[in-house]
PDB file of N, CA and C in Angstrom:
ATOM      1  N   MET A   1     -12.700  -7.983  13.946  1.00  0.00           N
ATOM      2  CA  MET A   1     -11.752  -7.497  13.022  1.00  0.00           C
ATOM      3  C   MET A   1     -11.082  -8.494  11.899  1.00  0.00           C
ATOM      4  N   LYS A   2     -11.009  -9.791  12.300  1.00  0.00           N
ATOM      5  CA  LYS A   2     -10.424 -11.182  11.544  1.00  0.00           C
ATOM      6  C   LYS A   2     -11.174 -11.231  10.466  1.00  0.00           C
ATOM      7  N   LYS A   3     -12.522 -10.842  10.848  1.00  0.00           N
ATOM      8  CA  LYS A   3     -13.465 -11.037   9.400  1.00  0.00           C
ATOM      9  C   LYS A   3     -13.577 -10.158   8.339  1.00  0.00           C
ATOM     10  N   TYR A   4     -13.085  -8.872   8.661  1.00  0.00           N
ATOM     11  CA  TYR A   4     -12.684  -7.847   7.893  1.00  0.00           C
ATOM     12  C   TYR A   4     -11.507  -7.834   6.933  1.00  0.00           C
ATOM     13  N   LEU A   5     -10.709  -8.539   7.662  1.00  0.00           N
ATOM     14  CA  LEU A   5      -9.237  -8.244   6.996  1.00  0.00           C
ATOM     15  C   LEU A   5      -9.226  -8.272   5.623  1.00  0.00           C
ATOM     16  N   ARG A   6      -9.967  -9.050   4.991  1.00  0.00           N
ATOM     17  CA  ARG A   6      -9.538  -9.058   3.403  1.00  0.00           C
ATOM     18  C   ARG A   6     -10.121  -8.306   2.783  1.00  0.00           C
ATOM     19  N   GLU A   7     -11.385  -7.685   3.311  1.00  0.00           N
ATOM     20  CA  GLU A   7     -11.963  -6.521   2.544  1.00  0.00           C
ATOM     21  C   GLU A   7     -11.075  -5.274   3.054  1.00  0.00           C
ATOM     22  N   ILE A   8     -10.466  -5.137   3.905  1.00  0.00           N
ATOM     23  CA  ILE A   8      -9.766  -3.882   4.238  1.00  0.00           C
ATOM     24  C   ILE A   8      -8.378  -4.269   3.094  1.00  0.00           C
ATOM     25  N   GLU A   9      -7.852  -5.336   3.313  1.00  0.00           N
ATOM     26  CA  GLU A   9      -6.526  -5.672   2.267  1.00  0.00           C
ATOM     27  C   GLU A   9      -6.674  -5.350   0.696  1.00  0.00           C
ATOM     28  N   VAL A  10      -7.971  -6.030   0.328  1.00  0.00           N
ATOM     29  CA  VAL A  10      -8.500  -5.557  -1.079  1.00  0.00           C
ATOM     30  C   VAL A  10      -8.595  -3.985  -1.164  1.00  0.00           C
ATOM     31  N   SER A  11      -9.407  -3.519  -0.081  1.00  0.00           N
ATOM     32  CA  SER A  11      -9.617  -1.733  -0.581  1.00  0.00           C
ATOM     33  C   SER A  11      -8.119  -1.041  -0.621  1.00  0.00           C
ATOM     34  N   GLY A  12      -7.261  -1.570   0.058  1.00  0.00           N
ATOM     35  CA  GLY A  12      -5.971  -1.163   0.379  1.00  0.00           C
ATOM     36  C   GLY A  12      -5.218  -1.114  -1.145  1.00  0.00           C
ATOM     37  N   LEU A  13      -5.292  -2.651  -1.275  1.00  0.00           N
ATOM     38  CA  LEU A  13      -4.393  -2.500  -2.583  1.00  0.00           C
ATOM     39  C   LEU A  13      -4.950  -2.088  -3.676  1.00  0.00           C
ATOM     40  N   ILE A  14      -6.403  -1.916  -3.901  1.00  0.00           N
ATOM     41  CA  ILE A  14      -6.912  -0.923  -4.933  1.00  0.00           C
ATOM     42  C   ILE A  14      -6.530   0.389  -4.636  1.00  0.00           C
ATOM     43  N   LEU A  15      -6.737   0.947  -3.632  1.00  0.00           N
ATOM     44  CA  LEU A  15      -6.234   2.493  -3.684  1.00  0.00           C
ATOM     45  C   LEU A  15      -5.265   2.600  -3.816  1.00  0.00           C
ATOM     46  N   THR A  16      -4.074   1.831  -3.515  1.00  0.00           N
ATOM     47  CA  THR A  16      -2.782   1.899  -3.853  1.00  0.00           C
ATOM     48  C   THR A  16      -2.397   1.718  -5.242  1.00  0.00           C
ATOM     49  N   ALA A  17      -3.033   0.893  -5.847  1.00  0.00           N
ATOM     50  CA  ALA A  17      -2.850   0.756  -7.181  1.00  0.00           C
ATOM     51  C   ALA A  17      -3.269   1.677  -8.281  1.00  0.00           C
ATOM     52  N   ILE A  18      -4.333   2.392  -7.648  1.00  0.00           N
ATOM     53  CA  ILE A  18      -4.946   3.636  -8.557  1.00  0.00           C
ATOM     54  C   ILE A  18      -4.133   4.665  -8.020  1.00  0.00           C
ATOM     55  N   GLY A  19      -3.505   4.864  -6.725  1.00  0.00           N
ATOM     56  CA  GLY A  19      -2.398   6.079  -6.538  1.00  0.00           C
ATOM     57  C   GLY A  19      -1.364   5.852  -7.362  1.00  0.00           C
ATOM     58  N   VAL A  20      -0.865   4.843  -7.674  1.00  0.00           N
ATOM     59  CA  VAL A  20       0.329   4.446  -8.523  1.00  0.00           C
ATOM     60  C   VAL A  20       0.112   4.794  -9.529  1.00  0.00           C
ATOM     61  N   VAL A  21      -0.857   4.203 -10.346  1.00  0.00           N
ATOM     62  CA  VAL A  21      -1.364   4.433 -11.578  1.00  0.00           C
ATOM     63  C   VAL A  21      -1.638   6.116 -12.193  1.00  0.00           C
ATOM     64  N   CYS A  22      -1.965   7.122 -11.058  1.00  0.00           N
ATOM     65  CA  CYS A  22      -2.426   8.107 -10.974  1.00  0.00           C
ATOM     66  C   CYS A  22      -1.019   9.087 -10.951  1.00  0.00           C
ATOM     67  N   ALA A  23      -0.343   8.439 -10.280  1.00  0.00           N
ATOM     68  CA  ALA A  23       0.975   9.246 -10.329  1.00  0.00           C
ATOM     69  C   ALA A  23       1.910   9.026 -11.270  1.00  0.00           C
ATOM     70  N   LEU A  24       1.668   7.984 -12.079  1.00  0.00           N
ATOM     71  CA  LEU A  24       2.477   7.710 -13.185  1.00  0.00           C
ATOM     72  C   LEU A  24       2.052   8.366 -14.634  1.00  0.00           C
ATOM     73  N   VAL A  25       0.732   8.792 -14.262  1.00  0.00           N
ATOM     74  CA  VAL A  25      -0.161   9.261 -15.772  1.00  0.00           C
ATOM     75  C   VAL A  25      -0.068  10.822 -15.411  1.00  0.00           C
ATOM     76  N   TRP A  26      -0.764  11.107 -14.104  1.00  0.00           N
ATOM     77  CA  TRP A  26      -0.790  12.652 -13.836  1.00  0.00           C
ATOM     78  C   TRP A  26       0.304  13.333 -13.148  1.00  0.00           C
ATOM     79  N   GLY A  27       0.793  12.719 -12.298  1.00  0.00           N
ATOM     80  CA  GLY A  27       2.088  13.422 -11.729  1.00  0.00           C
ATOM     81  C   GLY A  27       1.797  12.906  -9.964  1.00  0.00           C
ATOM     82  N   ALA A  28       2.865  13.037  -9.632  1.00  0.00           N
ATOM     83  CA  ALA A  28       2.915  12.439  -7.860  1.00  0.00           C
ATOM     84  C   ALA A  28       1.978  13.055  -7.052  1.00  0.00           C
ATOM     85  N   HIS A  29       1.749  14.410  -7.331  1.00  0.00           N
ATOM     86  CA  HIS A  29       0.439  14.975  -6.475  1.00  0.00           C
ATOM     87  C   HIS A  29      -0.873  14.572  -6.404  1.00  0.00           C
ATOM     88  N   PHE A  30      -1.039  14.212  -7.469  1.00  0.00           N
ATOM     89  CA  PHE A  30      -2.333  13.763  -7.883  1.00  0.00           C
ATOM     90  C   PHE A  30      -2.561  12.240  -7.130  1.00  0.00           C
ATOM     91  N   GLY A  31      -1.666  11.665  -7.373  1.00  0.00           N
ATOM     92  CA  GLY A  31      -1.733  10.030  -6.958  1.00  0.00           C
ATOM     93  C   GLY A  31      -1.452   9.975  -5.543  1.00  0.00           C
ATOM     94  N   MET A  32      -0.782  10.735  -4.948  1.00  0.00           N
ATOM     95  CA  MET A  32      -0.202  10.866  -3.355  1.00  0.00           C
ATOM     96  C   MET A  32      -1.486  10.227  -2.606  1.00  0.00           C
ATOM     97  N   TRP A  33      -2.583  10.872  -2.610  1.00  0.00           N
ATOM     98  CA  TRP A  33      -3.665  10.686  -1.589  1.00  0.00           C
ATOM     99  C   TRP A  33      -4.492   9.403  -1.417  1.00  0.00           C
ATOM    100  N   PRO A  34      -4.826   8.827  -2.734  1.00  0.00           N
ATOM    101  CA  PRO A  34      -5.206   7.485  -2.982  1.00  0.00           C
ATOM    102  C   PRO A  34      -4.093   6.384  -2.709  1.00  0.00           C
ATOM    103  N   CYS A  35      -2.858   6.608  -2.700  1.00  0.00           N
ATOM    104  CA  CYS A  35      -1.792   5.711  -2.464  1.00  0.00           C
ATOM    105  C   CYS A  35      -1.528   5.805  -1.082  1.00  0.00           C
ATOM    106  N   ALA A  36      -1.315   7.128  -0.638  1.00  0.00           N
ATOM    107  CA  ALA A  36      -1.246   7.192   1.164  1.00  0.00           C
ATOM    108  C   ALA A  36      -2.401   6.347   1.940  1.00  0.00           C
ATOM    109  N   ILE A  37      -3.886   6.592   1.282  1.00  0.00           N
ATOM    110  CA  ILE A  37      -5.006   6.018   2.122  1.00  0.00           C
ATOM    111  C   ILE A  37      -4.918   4.496   1.901  1.00  0.00           C
ATOM    112  N   GLY A  38      -4.510   3.971   0.609  1.00  0.00           N
ATOM    113  CA  GLY A  38      -4.361   2.522   0.401  1.00  0.00           C
ATOM    114  C   GLY A  38      -3.231   1.672   1.342  1.00  0.00           C
ATOM    115  N   LEU A  39      -2.229   2.575   1.219  1.00  0.00           N
ATOM    116  CA  LEU A  39      -1.066   2.166   2.208  1.00  0.00           C
ATOM    117  C   LEU A  39      -1.457   2.453   3.709  1.00  0.00           C
ATOM    118  N   LEU A  40      -2.164   3.332   4.004  1.00  0.00           N
ATOM    119  CA  LEU A  40      -2.582   3.237   5.553  1.00  0.00           C
ATOM    120  C   LEU A  40      -3.420   2.011   5.805  1.00  0.00           C
ATOM    121  N   LEU A  41      -4.379   1.576   4.732  1.00  0.00           N
ATOM    122  CA  LEU A  41      -5.017   0.871   5.093  1.00  0.00           C
ATOM    123  C   LEU A  41      -4.351  -0.746   4.976  1.00  0.00           C
ATOM    124  N   LEU A  42      -3.446  -0.908   4.383  1.00  0.00           N
ATOM    125  CA  LEU A  42      -2.526  -1.904   4.180  1.00  0.00           C
ATOM    126  C   LEU A  42      -1.760  -2.458   5.500  1.00  0.00           C
ATOM    127  N   LEU A  43      -1.448  -0.802   6.102  1.00  0.00           N
ATOM    128  CA  LEU A  43      -0.425  -0.871   7.339  1.00  0.00           C
ATOM    129  C   LEU A  43      -1.503  -1.617   8.346  1.00  0.00           C
ATOM    130  N   VAL A  44      -2.789  -1.028   8.382  1.00  0.00           N
ATOM    131  CA  VAL A  44      -3.565  -1.457   9.474  1.00  0.00           C
ATOM    132  C   VAL A  44      -3.560  -2.939   9.521  1.00  0.00           C
ATOM    133  N   VAL A  45      -3.643  -3.767   8.271  1.00  0.00           N
ATOM    134  CA  VAL A  45      -3.857  -5.070   8.309  1.00  0.00           C
ATOM    135  C   VAL A  45      -2.692  -5.506   8.406  1.00  0.00           C
ATOM    136  N   PHE A  46      -1.476  -5.211   8.214  1.00  0.00           N
ATOM    137  CA  PHE A  46       0.001  -5.689   8.155  1.00  0.00           C
ATOM    138  C   PHE A  46       0.137  -5.583  10.300  1.00  0.00           C
ATOM    139  N   LEU A  47      -0.184  -4.494  10.460  1.00  0.00           N
ATOM    140  CA  LEU A  47       0.145  -4.326  12.304  1.00  0.00           C
ATOM    141  C   LEU A  47      -0.780  -5.380  12.928  1.00  0.00           C
ATOM    142  N   TYR A  48      -1.791  -5.676  12.103  1.00  0.00           N
ATOM    143  CA  TYR A  48      -2.871  -6.856  13.106  1.00  0.00           C
ATOM    144  C   TYR A  48      -2.169  -8.188  12.723  1.00  0.00           C
ATOM    145  N   LYS A  49      -1.921  -8.446  11.566  1.00  0.00           N
ATOM    146  CA  LYS A  49      -1.065  -9.633  11.176  1.00  0.00           C
ATOM    147  C   LYS A  49       0.253  -9.680  11.884  1.00  0.00           C
ATOM    148  N   ALA A  50       0.865  -8.844  12.048  1.00  0.00           N
ATOM    149  CA  ALA A  50       2.271  -8.817  12.668  1.00  0.00           C
ATOM    150  C   ALA A  50       2.348  -9.412  14.208  1.00  0.00           C
ATOM    151  N   PHE A  51       1.334  -8.921  15.181  1.00  0.00           N
ATOM    152  CA  PHE A  51       1.035  -9.522  16.109  1.00  0.00           C
ATOM    153  C   PHE A  51       0.473 -10.485  16.104  1.00  0.00           C
ATOM    154  N   HIS A  52       0.094 -11.265  15.104  1.00  0.00           N
ATOM    155  CA  HIS A  52      -0.267 -12.729  14.691  1.00  0.00           C
ATOM    156  C   HIS A  52       0.859 -13.110  13.982  1.00  0.00           C
ATOM    157  N   TRP A  53       1.934 -13.278  14.014  1.00  0.00           N
ATOM    158  CA  TRP A  53       3.222 -13.068  12.921  1.00  0.00           C
ATOM    159  C   TRP A  53       3.031 -14.998  12.485  1.00  0.00           C
ATOM    160  N   LYS A  54       3.276 -15.642  13.518  1.00  0.00           N
ATOM    161  CA  LYS A  54       3.019 -17.456  13.372  1.00  0.00           C
ATOM    162  C   LYS A  54       1.838 -17.551  12.429  1.00  0.00           C
ATOM    163  N   GLU A  55       0.797 -17.103  12.376  1.00  0.00           N
ATOM    164  CA  GLU A  55      -0.270 -17.339  11.848  1.00  0.00           C
ATOM    165  C   GLU A  55      -0.348 -16.795  10.205  1.00  0.00           C
ATOM    166  N   TYR A  56       0.293 -15.411  10.210  1.00  0.00           N
ATOM    167  CA  TYR A  56       0.277 -14.692   8.988  1.00  0.00           C
ATOM    168  C   TYR A  56       1.681 -14.481   8.348  1.00  0.00           C
ATOM    169  N   GLU A  57       2.807 -15.389   8.594  1.00  0.00           N
ATOM    170  CA  GLU A  57       4.069 -14.838   8.290  1.00  0.00           C
ATOM    171  C   GLU A  57       4.296 -14.863   6.525  1.00  0.00           C
ATOM    172  N   ARG A  58       3.660 -15.514   5.660  1.00  0.00           N
ATOM    173  CA  ARG A  58       3.924 -15.343   4.425  1.00  0.00           C
ATOM    174  C   ARG A  58       3.409 -14.190   3.790  1.00  0.00           C
ATOM    175  N   GLU A  59       2.139 -13.956   4.254  1.00  0.00           N
ATOM    176  CA  GLU A  59       1.517 -12.622   4.002  1.00  0.00           C
ATOM    177  C   GLU A  59       2.137 -11.222   4.296  1.00  0.00           C
ATOM    178  N   ASN A  60       3.094 -11.586   5.506  1.00  0.00           N
ATOM    179  CA  ASN A  60       3.516 -10.195   6.128  1.00  0.00           C
ATOM    180  C   ASN A  60       4.560  -9.692   4.901  1.00  0.00           C
ATOM    181  N   ARG A  61       5.285 -11.022   4.763  1.00  0.00           N
ATOM    182  CA  ARG A  61       6.442 -10.777   3.779  1.00  0.00           C
ATOM    183  C   ARG A  61       6.213  -9.975   2.401  1.00  0.00           C
ATOM    184  N   GLN A  62       4.904 -10.578   2.084  1.00  0.00           N
ATOM    185  CA  GLN A  62       4.304  -9.750   0.898  1.00  0.00           C
ATOM    186  C   GLN A  62       3.950  -8.442   0.855  1.00  0.00           C
ATOM    187  N   TYR A  63       3.464  -8.172   1.823  1.00  0.00           N
ATOM    188  CA  TYR A  63       3.076  -6.546   2.462  1.00  0.00           C
ATOM    189  C   TYR A  63       4.173  -5.774   2.171  1.00  0.00           C
ATOM    190  N   ILE A  64       5.274  -6.260   3.107  1.00  0.00           N
ATOM    191  CA  ILE A  64       6.441  -5.304   3.190  1.00  0.00           C
ATOM    192  C   ILE A  64       7.007  -5.117   1.763  1.00  0.00           C
ATOM    193  N   MET A  65       7.048  -6.084   0.852  1.00  0.00           N
ATOM    194  CA  MET A  65       7.421  -6.009  -0.707  1.00  0.00           C
ATOM    195  C   MET A  65       6.485  -4.928  -1.222  1.00  0.00           C
ATOM    196  N   ILE A  66       5.137  -5.051  -1.001  1.00  0.00           N
ATOM    197  CA  ILE A  66       4.229  -4.295  -1.665  1.00  0.00           C
ATOM    198  C   ILE A  66       4.258  -2.794  -1.485  1.00  0.00           C
ATOM    199  N   ILE A  67       4.639  -2.551   0.149  1.00  0.00           N
ATOM    200  CA  ILE A  67       4.596  -1.171   0.544  1.00  0.00           C
ATOM    201  C   ILE A  67       5.750  -0.507   0.013  1.00  0.00           C
ATOM    202  N   LEU A  68       6.880  -1.469  -0.036  1.00  0.00           N
ATOM    203  CA  LEU A  68       8.260  -0.613  -0.446  1.00  0.00           C
ATOM    204  C   LEU A  68       8.388  -0.439  -1.616  1.00  0.00           C
ATOM    205  N   LEU A  69       7.620  -1.292  -2.653  1.00  0.00           N
ATOM    206  CA  LEU A  69       7.558  -0.985  -4.031  1.00  0.00           C
ATOM    207  C   LEU A  69       6.720   0.164  -4.273  1.00  0.00           C
ATOM    208  N   ALA A  70       5.644   0.330  -3.664  1.00  0.00           N
ATOM    209  CA  ALA A  70       4.793   1.670  -3.881  1.00  0.00           C
ATOM    210  C   ALA A  70       5.510   3.089  -3.526  1.00  0.00           C
ATOM    211  N   ILE A  71       6.128   2.777  -2.169  1.00  0.00           N
ATOM    212  CA  ILE A  71       7.052   3.926  -1.751  1.00  0.00           C
ATOM    213  C   ILE A  71       8.234   4.049  -2.818  1.00  0.00           C
ATOM    214  N   PHE A  72       8.706   3.208  -3.215  1.00  0.00           N
ATOM    215  CA  PHE A  72       9.758   3.503  -3.932  1.00  0.00           C
ATOM    216  C   PHE A  72       9.286   4.298  -5.533  1.00  0.00           C
ATOM    217  N   ILE A  73       8.184   3.767  -6.056  1.00  0.00           N
ATOM    218  CA  ILE A  73       7.901   4.120  -7.386  1.00  0.00           C
ATOM    219  C   ILE A  73       7.292   5.645  -7.316  1.00  0.00           C
ATOM    220  N   LEU A  74       6.820   5.971  -6.231  1.00  0.00           N
ATOM    221  CA  LEU A  74       6.311   7.390  -5.950  1.00  0.00           C
ATOM    222  C   LEU A  74       7.537   8.122  -5.760  1.00  0.00           C
ATOM    223  N   PHE A  75       8.742   7.809  -4.919  1.00  0.00           N
ATOM    224  CA  PHE A  75       9.802   8.159  -4.660  1.00  0.00           C
ATOM    225  C   PHE A  75      10.500   8.606  -6.098  1.00  0.00           C
ATOM    226  N   ILE A  76      10.454   7.766  -6.873  1.00  0.00           N
ATOM    227  CA  ILE A  76      11.150   8.149  -8.157  1.00  0.00           C
ATOM    228  C   ILE A  76      10.359   9.129  -8.957  1.00  0.00           C
ATOM    229  N   GLN A  77       8.977   8.722  -8.840  1.00  0.00           N
ATOM    230  CA  GLN A  77       8.467   9.929  -9.624  1.00  0.00           C
ATOM    231  C   GLN A  77       8.447  11.372  -9.138  1.00  0.00           C
ATOM    232  N   MET A  78       8.527  11.411  -7.915  1.00  0.00           N
ATOM    233  CA  MET A  78       8.685  12.719  -7.281  1.00  0.00           C
ATOM    234  C   MET A  78      10.234  13.280  -7.644  1.00  0.00           C
ATOM    235  N   ILE A  79      11.210  12.575  -7.912  1.00  0.00           N
ATOM    236  CA  ILE A  79      12.668  12.984  -8.242  1.00  0.00           C
ATOM    237  C   ILE A  79      12.330  13.236  -9.846  1.00  0.00           C
ATOM    238  N   ILE A  80      11.884  12.335 -10.378  1.00  0.00           N
ATOM    239  CA  ILE A  80      12.009  12.797 -12.095  1.00  0.00           C
ATOM    240  C   ILE A  80      11.126  13.995 -12.178  1.00  0.00           C
ATOM    241  N   LYS A  81       9.958  14.399 -11.644  1.00  0.00           N
ATOM    242  CA  LYS A  81       9.082  15.298 -11.913  1.00  0.00           C
ATOM    243  C   LYS A  81       9.759  16.603 -11.648  1.00  0.00           C
ATOM    244  N   ARG A  82      10.558  16.867 -10.420  1.00  0.00           N
ATOM    245  CA  ARG A  82      11.534  17.949 -10.386  1.00  0.00           C
ATOM    246  C   ARG A  82      12.152  18.496 -11.223  1.00  0.00           C
TER     247      ARG A  82
END
């Protein structure tokens, strides 16, 4: 698992970015799925690194900020579109 962490992380970040951009351009319903899959991949990486906190402490704090920012942007988009 440790050797695939970087690939899973990059895939999650790309899908999350695609989802956020799609949500900004076409609406929250269209961007929800790629963003959700990306956040799920980031969650898998975060959970692995959370169990090895001492080794990955700096990265874990970055993941928390990225996940909160993506959720916040999608939440704001859903409120504005209603």
